[in-house]
Amino acid sequence: LDGSVGKDPSQVIMDNASVLIHCGKSSIEIKKDGNVIVKAEKDLEMEAKGQVSIKAGKDLKLVASGEALLESKKNTTVKAAQKLIEKASQRQGLSSLET
């Protein structure tokens, strides 16, 4: 399936190993082995009216070249974690969180 949006080609490419959705320089690749790769040329937004859950069977790494912000209106554990992140960043000049 091949079309175009303005000057940028949009494509959906399927083979036995993966499905690749490509638009401009952004893409989503779903591999048969279970890996999913999302690349955004600009911003990446996720929004849900219900719960959002991120579960890692192994390591979770978040890296930001700018400000890292973790907010919760109700959860004091999240607020405490954010304060620890801010203190560590100030002491070590870090802009990434690795857990």
Protein backbone atom coordinates (compact mmCIF):
# COMPACT_ATOMS: atom_id res chain seq x y z
CA LEU A 1 0.00 0.00 0.00
CA ASP A 2 1.61 3.23 -1.11
CA GLY A 3 0.20 6.76 -1.04
CA SER A 4 1.42 10.23 -0.36
CA VAL A 5 0.66 13.07 2.02
CA GLY A 6 1.96 16.28 0.49
CA LYS A 7 5.54 15.59 -0.58
CA ASP A 8 6.16 12.89 2.05
CA PRO A 9 5.48 9.30 1.02
CA SER A 10 3.34 7.20 3.35
CA GLN A 11 3.71 3.44 3.27
CA VAL A 12 2.57 0.28 4.96
CA ILE A 13 5.06 -2.51 4.32
CA MET A 14 4.35 -6.08 5.40
CA ASP A 15 6.49 -9.18 5.19
CA ASN A 16 6.75 -12.44 7.13
CA ALA A 17 8.80 -10.83 9.92
CA SER A 18 7.18 -7.41 10.50
CA VAL A 19 4.73 -4.65 9.63
CA LEU A 20 6.15 -1.17 9.07
CA ILE A 21 3.94 1.94 8.96
CA HIS A 22 5.99 4.81 7.61
CA CYS A 23 5.00 8.47 7.12
CA GLY A 24 7.72 11.03 6.44
CA LYS A 25 10.55 10.35 8.90
CA SER A 26 8.23 8.83 11.55
CA SER A 27 7.42 5.13 11.75
CA ILE A 28 5.91 2.30 13.75
CA GLU A 29 7.36 -1.18 13.30
CA ILE A 30 5.68 -4.25 14.77
CA LYS A 31 7.90 -7.31 14.57
CA LYS A 32 6.77 -10.92 14.65
CA ASP A 33 9.34 -11.58 17.42
CA GLY A 34 7.31 -9.27 19.73
CA ASN A 35 9.37 -6.08 19.44
CA VAL A 36 7.62 -2.77 18.70
CA ILE A 37 9.64 0.26 17.61
CA VAL A 38 8.09 3.75 17.47
CA LYS A 39 10.10 6.62 15.98
CA ALA A 40 8.75 10.17 15.88
CA GLU A 41 10.43 12.97 13.93
CA LYS A 42 8.83 15.52 16.27
CA ASP A 43 6.66 15.05 19.37
CA LEU A 44 5.15 11.78 20.56
CA GLU A 45 1.87 11.96 22.46
CA MET A 46 -0.09 9.21 24.17
CA GLU A 47 -3.49 9.90 25.66
CA ALA A 48 -6.01 7.61 27.30
CA LYS A 49 -9.30 8.29 29.03
CA GLY A 50 -8.67 5.23 31.19
CA GLN A 51 -5.57 3.90 32.91
CA VAL A 52 -2.16 3.75 31.27
CA SER A 53 0.15 0.99 32.36
CA ILE A 54 3.80 0.51 31.45
CA LYS A 55 5.28 -2.80 32.51
CA ALA A 56 8.85 -3.84 31.86
CA GLY A 57 9.83 -7.47 32.22
CA LYS A 58 13.43 -6.32 32.56
CA ASP A 59 15.04 -2.87 32.64
CA LEU A 60 13.26 0.45 32.04
CA LYS A 61 15.31 3.40 30.81
CA LEU A 62 14.01 6.93 30.32
CA VAL A 63 16.38 9.52 28.84
CA ALA A 64 15.59 13.20 28.30
CA SER A 65 17.88 15.80 26.76
CA GLY A 66 15.72 18.42 28.46
CA GLU A 67 13.55 18.51 31.57
CA ALA A 68 12.14 15.24 32.93
CA LEU A 69 8.77 15.70 34.62
CA LEU A 70 6.75 13.10 36.49
CA GLU A 71 3.41 14.33 37.85
CA SER A 72 0.54 12.91 39.83
CA LYS A 73 -2.34 14.82 41.37
CA LYS A 74 -3.08 12.09 43.92
CA ASN A 75 -0.10 9.78 44.31
CA THR A 76 2.37 11.01 46.94
CA THR A 77 4.80 8.19 46.04
CA VAL A 78 5.18 9.69 42.56
CA LYS A 79 5.73 13.16 44.05
CA ALA A 80 8.42 11.80 46.37
CA ALA A 81 10.11 10.02 43.46
CA GLN A 82 10.08 13.24 41.43
CA LYS A 83 11.79 15.10 44.30
CA LEU A 84 14.51 12.44 44.45
CA ILE A 85 15.01 12.70 40.68
CA GLU A 86 15.31 16.49 40.89
CA LYS A 87 17.84 16.30 43.75
CA ALA A 88 19.94 13.70 41.91
CA SER A 89 19.83 15.76 38.72
CA GLN A 90 20.95 18.89 40.52
CA ARG A 91 23.84 17.10 42.25
CA GLN A 92 25.08 15.19 39.25
CA GLY A 93 23.91 17.32 36.34
CA LEU A 94 21.85 14.40 35.01
CA SER A 95 18.96 14.63 32.58
CA SER A 96 18.13 10.92 32.54
CA LEU A 97 16.39 8.50 34.87
CA GLU A 98 17.43 4.88 34.88
CA THR A 99 15.62 2.29 37.01
